[in-house]
Protein backbone atom coordinates (compact mmCIF):
# COMPACT_ATOMS: atom_id res chain seq x y z
CA MET A 1 -17.68 10.16 30.26
CA LYS A 2 -14.38 8.63 29.15
CA GLN A 3 -14.76 10.09 25.59
CA MET A 4 -15.34 13.52 27.15
CA ILE A 5 -12.12 13.22 29.06
CA LYS A 6 -10.09 12.08 26.03
CA ILE A 7 -11.53 14.98 24.00
CA ILE A 8 -10.53 17.54 26.80
CA ARG A 9 -7.05 16.02 27.08
CA LYS A 10 -6.57 16.12 23.33
CA VAL A 11 -7.60 19.92 23.17
CA ASP A 12 -5.21 20.63 26.09
CA ILE A 13 -2.28 18.82 24.29
CA GLU A 14 -3.01 20.81 21.03
CA LYS A 15 -3.20 24.03 22.92
CA GLN A 16 0.19 23.28 24.65
CA TYR A 17 1.67 22.32 21.34
CA GLU A 18 0.41 25.55 19.71
CA HIS A 19 2.01 27.44 22.49
CA VAL A 20 5.39 25.66 21.87
CA LEU A 21 5.03 26.46 18.18
CA ARG A 22 4.49 30.23 18.91
CA LEU A 23 7.44 30.12 21.17
CA GLU A 24 9.44 28.60 18.38
CA LEU A 25 8.02 31.29 16.08
CA ASP A 26 9.31 34.08 18.29
CA TYR A 27 12.75 32.51 18.59
CA GLU A 28 13.01 32.09 14.69
CA LEU A 29 11.88 35.69 14.20
CA ALA A 30 14.62 36.80 16.56
CA SER A 31 17.14 34.64 14.77
CA LEU A 32 16.00 36.06 11.43
CA TYR A 33 16.37 39.59 12.76
CA SER A 34 19.92 38.81 13.96
CA ALA A 35 20.88 37.18 10.63
CA MET A 36 19.55 40.34 8.85
CA GLN A 37 21.61 42.63 11.00
CA GLY A 38 24.66 40.45 10.31
CA ASN A 39 23.82 40.22 6.53
CA ASP A 40 24.03 36.36 6.90
CA GLU A 41 22.17 35.11 3.78
CA LYS A 42 22.56 31.46 4.53
CA GLU A 43 21.10 31.95 8.11
CA MET A 44 18.21 34.09 6.85
CA GLU A 45 17.15 31.41 4.39
CA LYS A 46 17.34 28.72 7.09
CA CYS A 47 15.17 30.86 9.41
CA LYS A 48 12.73 31.56 6.66
CA LYS A 49 12.37 27.91 5.96
CA ARG A 50 11.79 26.97 9.59
CA LEU A 51 9.26 29.98 9.92
CA LYS A 52 7.32 28.40 6.84
CA GLU A 53 7.27 25.00 8.57
CA ILE A 54 6.01 26.45 11.76
CA GLN A 55 3.40 28.43 9.78
CA ASP A 56 2.16 25.26 8.02
CA GLU A 57 1.92 23.40 11.34
CA LEU A 58 -0.02 26.25 12.98
CA ASP A 59 -2.35 26.30 9.97
CA GLY A 60 -2.88 22.59 10.33
CA LEU A 61 -3.82 22.82 13.87
CA HIS A 62 -6.27 25.65 13.20
CA ALA A 63 -7.89 23.55 10.39
CA TYR A 64 -9.09 21.04 13.00
CA VAL A 65 -10.49 23.69 15.48
């Protein structure tokens, strides 16, 4: 029974983490759009780098599902 509770908690934590990552993804996409509108190359590269990191984290989460 204790193992089942641990598994359920782990799944809940992973779902919450995925939700946070998706919020970060939305924020970075909005930041990238803003940088594109302002022609800010440095900020665009920064956003793209963070978007790649978020994508990798999400891919890692889905690998264990």
